[in-house]
């Protein structure tokens, strides 16, 4: 067996890069946005803020808010047939 080299952010140059019009400071309204339980959200990564970021394989997936843990939210997504719980900072979430 060969060992996989690299971290979770490998091969994500285009996936986790910003458009030239989105570059700059993070929007504070997006950083401090709040959600309620059962809100439907989309996982859109903010590459300038790495804390509370999910694994890049879940990028652009839709999920449901199930609770809050600290300043992050618990998001339930479907990965194939399985349901997975992700802990995501609100800066990486977008309401649908």
N, C-alpha and C. Protein backbone atom coordinates (compact mmCIF):
# COMPACT_ATOMS: atom_id res chain seq x y z
N UNK A 1 0.84 -1.20 0.00
CA UNK A 1 0.00 0.00 0.00
C UNK A 1 0.87 1.24 0.00
N UNK A 2 0.54 2.18 -0.84
CA UNK A 2 1.26 3.44 -0.82
C UNK A 2 0.56 4.40 0.12
N UNK A 3 1.33 5.32 0.67
CA UNK A 3 0.78 6.28 1.61
C UNK A 3 0.39 7.55 0.89
N UNK A 4 -0.74 8.11 1.24
CA UNK A 4 -1.21 9.34 0.59
C UNK A 4 -0.44 10.52 1.18
N UNK A 5 0.16 11.31 0.32
CA UNK A 5 0.96 12.45 0.75
C UNK A 5 0.10 13.70 0.69
N UNK A 6 0.19 14.52 1.70
CA UNK A 6 -0.49 15.80 1.66
C UNK A 6 -1.60 15.90 2.68
N UNK A 7 -2.15 17.10 2.78
CA UNK A 7 -3.19 17.38 3.76
C UNK A 7 -4.55 17.43 3.09
N UNK A 8 -5.55 17.92 3.82
CA UNK A 8 -6.91 17.97 3.30
C UNK A 8 -7.08 19.03 2.23
N UNK A 9 -6.17 20.01 2.18
CA UNK A 9 -6.31 21.09 1.20
C UNK A 9 -5.50 20.86 -0.07
N UNK A 10 -4.99 19.65 -0.28
CA UNK A 10 -4.22 19.39 -1.48
C UNK A 10 -5.14 19.33 -2.70
N UNK A 11 -4.64 19.78 -3.83
CA UNK A 11 -5.37 19.79 -5.11
C UNK A 11 -6.63 20.65 -5.05
N UNK A 12 -6.60 21.74 -4.32
CA UNK A 12 -7.78 22.59 -4.20
C UNK A 12 -7.49 24.02 -4.67
N UNK A 13 -6.54 24.17 -5.57
CA UNK A 13 -6.15 25.51 -5.99
C UNK A 13 -7.32 26.28 -6.60
N UNK A 14 -8.09 25.65 -7.46
CA UNK A 14 -9.21 26.37 -8.07
C UNK A 14 -10.46 26.32 -7.19
N UNK A 15 -10.63 25.24 -6.46
CA UNK A 15 -11.83 25.09 -5.64
C UNK A 15 -11.86 26.09 -4.48
N UNK A 16 -10.72 26.32 -3.85
CA UNK A 16 -10.66 27.20 -2.69
C UNK A 16 -10.02 28.55 -3.01
N UNK A 17 -10.12 29.00 -4.25
CA UNK A 17 -9.59 30.33 -4.58
C UNK A 17 -10.76 31.27 -4.84
N UNK A 18 -10.52 32.55 -4.57
CA UNK A 18 -11.57 33.54 -4.74
C UNK A 18 -11.52 34.15 -6.13
N UNK A 19 -12.66 34.60 -6.58
CA UNK A 19 -12.75 35.39 -7.79
C UNK A 19 -12.08 36.74 -7.50
N UNK A 20 -11.56 37.39 -8.51
CA UNK A 20 -10.84 38.65 -8.30
C UNK A 20 -11.76 39.71 -7.70
N UNK A 21 -13.05 39.65 -7.94
CA UNK A 21 -13.99 40.63 -7.39
C UNK A 21 -14.36 40.33 -5.94
N UNK A 22 -14.10 39.11 -5.47
CA UNK A 22 -14.40 38.74 -4.09
C UNK A 22 -13.21 38.91 -3.16
N UNK A 23 -12.02 39.20 -3.71
CA UNK A 23 -10.83 39.30 -2.88
C UNK A 23 -10.90 40.52 -1.98
N UNK A 24 -10.20 40.44 -0.86
CA UNK A 24 -10.17 41.55 0.08
C UNK A 24 -10.61 41.09 1.45
N UNK A 25 -11.07 42.04 2.24
CA UNK A 25 -11.47 41.71 3.61
C UNK A 25 -12.75 40.88 3.61
N UNK A 26 -12.90 40.09 4.68
CA UNK A 26 -14.10 39.27 4.84
C UNK A 26 -15.24 40.17 5.26
N UNK A 27 -16.41 39.93 4.70
CA UNK A 27 -17.60 40.69 5.07
C UNK A 27 -17.99 40.37 6.50
N UNK A 28 -18.14 41.39 7.34
CA UNK A 28 -18.50 41.16 8.74
C UNK A 28 -19.91 40.64 8.88
N UNK A 29 -20.82 41.06 8.00
CA UNK A 29 -22.19 40.55 8.07
C UNK A 29 -22.22 39.05 7.77
N UNK A 30 -21.35 38.59 6.91
CA UNK A 30 -21.28 37.16 6.62
C UNK A 30 -20.60 36.41 7.76
N UNK A 31 -19.64 37.05 8.41
CA UNK A 31 -18.93 36.43 9.53
C UNK A 31 -19.85 36.24 10.73
N UNK A 32 -20.71 37.22 11.00
CA UNK A 32 -21.58 37.18 12.18
C UNK A 32 -23.01 36.74 11.87
N UNK A 33 -23.27 36.18 10.69
CA UNK A 33 -24.64 35.79 10.35
C UNK A 33 -25.12 34.68 11.27
N UNK A 34 -26.41 34.64 11.51
CA UNK A 34 -27.00 33.64 12.39
C UNK A 34 -27.98 32.78 11.62
N UNK A 35 -28.15 31.57 12.09
CA UNK A 35 -29.06 30.62 11.48
C UNK A 35 -29.91 29.99 12.57
N UNK A 36 -31.07 29.48 12.18
CA UNK A 36 -31.93 28.73 13.10
C UNK A 36 -31.89 27.26 12.73
N UNK A 37 -32.39 26.43 13.62
CA UNK A 37 -32.47 25.01 13.31
C UNK A 37 -33.38 24.80 12.11
N UNK A 38 -33.06 23.81 11.31
CA UNK A 38 -33.79 23.42 10.10
C UNK A 38 -33.68 24.43 8.97
N UNK A 39 -32.76 25.41 9.06
CA UNK A 39 -32.47 26.27 7.92
C UNK A 39 -31.64 25.46 6.92
N UNK A 40 -31.92 25.67 5.64
CA UNK A 40 -31.17 24.99 4.59
C UNK A 40 -30.04 25.92 4.15
N UNK A 41 -28.82 25.40 4.14
CA UNK A 41 -27.65 26.21 3.81
C UNK A 41 -26.82 25.49 2.76
N UNK A 42 -25.97 26.26 2.09
CA UNK A 42 -25.02 25.71 1.14
C UNK A 42 -23.62 25.96 1.69
N UNK A 43 -22.74 24.97 1.54
CA UNK A 43 -21.37 25.07 2.02
C UNK A 43 -20.51 25.75 0.95
N UNK A 44 -20.18 27.01 1.18
CA UNK A 44 -19.32 27.78 0.29
C UNK A 44 -18.12 28.23 1.13
N UNK A 45 -16.94 27.72 0.82
CA UNK A 45 -15.76 27.99 1.65
C UNK A 45 -15.28 29.42 1.49
N UNK A 46 -14.86 30.00 2.60
CA UNK A 46 -14.18 31.31 2.61
C UNK A 46 -12.70 31.01 2.82
N UNK A 47 -11.88 31.02 1.76
CA UNK A 47 -10.50 30.57 1.89
C UNK A 47 -9.63 31.47 2.76
N UNK A 48 -10.04 32.70 3.00
CA UNK A 48 -9.24 33.59 3.83
C UNK A 48 -9.37 33.26 5.31
N UNK A 49 -10.37 32.47 5.71
CA UNK A 49 -10.59 32.13 7.11
C UNK A 49 -10.64 30.61 7.20
N UNK A 50 -9.57 30.01 7.75
CA UNK A 50 -9.48 28.55 7.73
C UNK A 50 -10.15 27.89 8.92
N UNK A 51 -10.39 28.61 10.02
CA UNK A 51 -11.00 27.98 11.20
C UNK A 51 -12.43 27.58 10.90
N UNK A 52 -12.82 26.41 11.33
CA UNK A 52 -14.19 25.96 11.15
C UNK A 52 -14.51 25.61 9.71
N UNK A 53 -13.48 25.34 8.90
CA UNK A 53 -13.72 24.98 7.50
C UNK A 53 -13.91 23.47 7.40
N UNK A 54 -14.81 23.07 6.55
CA UNK A 54 -15.09 21.66 6.33
C UNK A 54 -14.07 21.08 5.35
N UNK A 55 -14.13 19.78 5.12
CA UNK A 55 -13.26 19.15 4.15
C UNK A 55 -13.68 19.57 2.75
N UNK A 56 -12.73 19.84 1.86
CA UNK A 56 -13.09 20.35 0.53
C UNK A 56 -13.97 19.42 -0.30
N UNK A 57 -14.05 18.13 0.05
CA UNK A 57 -14.93 17.25 -0.74
C UNK A 57 -16.40 17.62 -0.57
N UNK A 58 -16.74 18.36 0.49
CA UNK A 58 -18.14 18.75 0.72
C UNK A 58 -18.44 20.13 0.16
N UNK A 59 -17.53 20.72 -0.62
CA UNK A 59 -17.72 22.07 -1.15
C UNK A 59 -18.94 22.13 -2.05
N UNK A 60 -19.77 23.14 -1.84
CA UNK A 60 -20.98 23.43 -2.63
C UNK A 60 -22.10 22.42 -2.38
N UNK A 61 -22.05 21.69 -1.28
CA UNK A 61 -23.16 20.78 -0.94
C UNK A 61 -24.17 21.51 -0.09
N UNK A 62 -25.40 21.07 -0.15
CA UNK A 62 -26.47 21.65 0.66
C UNK A 62 -26.66 20.81 1.91
N UNK A 63 -27.02 21.48 3.00
CA UNK A 63 -27.24 20.78 4.25
C UNK A 63 -28.27 21.51 5.10
N UNK A 64 -28.58 20.92 6.25
CA UNK A 64 -29.58 21.45 7.16
C UNK A 64 -28.91 21.73 8.50
N UNK A 65 -29.19 22.90 9.07
CA UNK A 65 -28.66 23.25 10.38
C UNK A 65 -29.38 22.41 11.44
N UNK A 66 -28.58 21.72 12.28
CA UNK A 66 -29.17 20.89 13.32
C UNK A 66 -28.91 21.42 14.72
N UNK A 67 -27.96 22.31 14.88
CA UNK A 67 -27.67 22.84 16.21
C UNK A 67 -26.49 23.78 16.14
N UNK A 68 -26.09 24.24 17.33
CA UNK A 68 -24.96 25.16 17.43
C UNK A 68 -23.97 24.61 18.41
N UNK A 69 -22.68 24.77 18.11
CA UNK A 69 -21.61 24.29 18.97
C UNK A 69 -20.58 25.41 19.05
N UNK A 70 -20.61 26.15 20.15
CA UNK A 70 -19.73 27.31 20.26
C UNK A 70 -20.20 28.39 19.31
N UNK A 71 -19.29 28.90 18.49
CA UNK A 71 -19.71 29.88 17.48
C UNK A 71 -19.96 29.22 16.13
N UNK A 72 -19.80 27.91 16.05
CA UNK A 72 -20.02 27.17 14.81
C UNK A 72 -21.38 26.49 14.83
N UNK A 73 -21.78 26.01 13.66
CA UNK A 73 -23.07 25.33 13.51
C UNK A 73 -22.84 23.88 13.11
N UNK A 74 -23.75 23.01 13.57
CA UNK A 74 -23.73 21.61 13.17
C UNK A 74 -24.62 21.49 11.94
N UNK A 75 -24.03 21.07 10.84
CA UNK A 75 -24.74 20.97 9.56
C UNK A 75 -24.82 19.50 9.17
N UNK A 76 -26.03 19.02 8.89
CA UNK A 76 -26.23 17.65 8.46
C UNK A 76 -26.31 17.63 6.94
N UNK A 77 -25.39 16.86 6.31
CA UNK A 77 -25.41 16.74 4.86
C UNK A 77 -25.54 15.27 4.48
N UNK A 78 -25.91 15.03 3.23
CA UNK A 78 -25.96 13.67 2.71
C UNK A 78 -24.75 13.47 1.83
N UNK A 79 -23.95 12.46 2.16
CA UNK A 79 -22.78 12.10 1.38
C UNK A 79 -23.02 10.71 0.81
N UNK A 80 -23.57 10.69 -0.39
CA UNK A 80 -24.01 9.42 -0.96
C UNK A 80 -25.27 8.99 -0.23
N UNK A 81 -25.24 7.81 0.41
CA UNK A 81 -26.39 7.34 1.18
C UNK A 81 -26.28 7.67 2.66
N UNK A 82 -25.09 8.09 3.10
CA UNK A 82 -24.87 8.37 4.52
C UNK A 82 -25.20 9.81 4.85
N UNK A 83 -25.63 10.04 6.06
CA UNK A 83 -25.79 11.40 6.57
C UNK A 83 -24.60 11.69 7.47
N UNK A 84 -24.00 12.87 7.27
CA UNK A 84 -22.83 13.24 8.04
C UNK A 84 -23.07 14.59 8.71
N UNK A 85 -22.51 14.72 9.91
CA UNK A 85 -22.62 15.95 10.68
C UNK A 85 -21.29 16.69 10.58
N UNK A 86 -21.35 17.93 10.08
CA UNK A 86 -20.17 18.77 9.97
C UNK A 86 -20.29 19.93 10.93
N UNK A 87 -19.19 20.35 11.50
CA UNK A 87 -19.17 21.52 12.38
C UNK A 87 -18.50 22.64 11.58
N UNK A 88 -19.28 23.66 11.22
CA UNK A 88 -18.84 24.67 10.26
C UNK A 88 -19.05 26.06 10.82
N UNK A 89 -18.07 26.92 10.62
CA UNK A 89 -18.19 28.33 11.01
C UNK A 89 -19.15 29.03 10.05
N UNK A 90 -19.94 30.01 10.54
CA UNK A 90 -20.94 30.65 9.67
C UNK A 90 -20.36 31.40 8.48
N UNK A 91 -19.08 31.73 8.48
CA UNK A 91 -18.51 32.43 7.34
C UNK A 91 -18.46 31.51 6.11
N UNK A 92 -18.53 30.20 6.32
CA UNK A 92 -18.48 29.23 5.22
C UNK A 92 -19.87 28.78 4.80
N UNK A 93 -20.93 29.38 5.33
CA UNK A 93 -22.29 28.97 5.03
C UNK A 93 -23.03 30.07 4.28
N UNK A 94 -23.95 29.65 3.41
CA UNK A 94 -24.79 30.60 2.67
C UNK A 94 -26.21 30.07 2.70
N UNK A 95 -27.14 30.91 3.11
CA UNK A 95 -28.54 30.50 3.20
C UNK A 95 -29.12 30.31 1.80
N UNK A 96 -29.90 29.24 1.63
CA UNK A 96 -30.54 28.98 0.32
C UNK A 96 -31.95 29.55 0.33
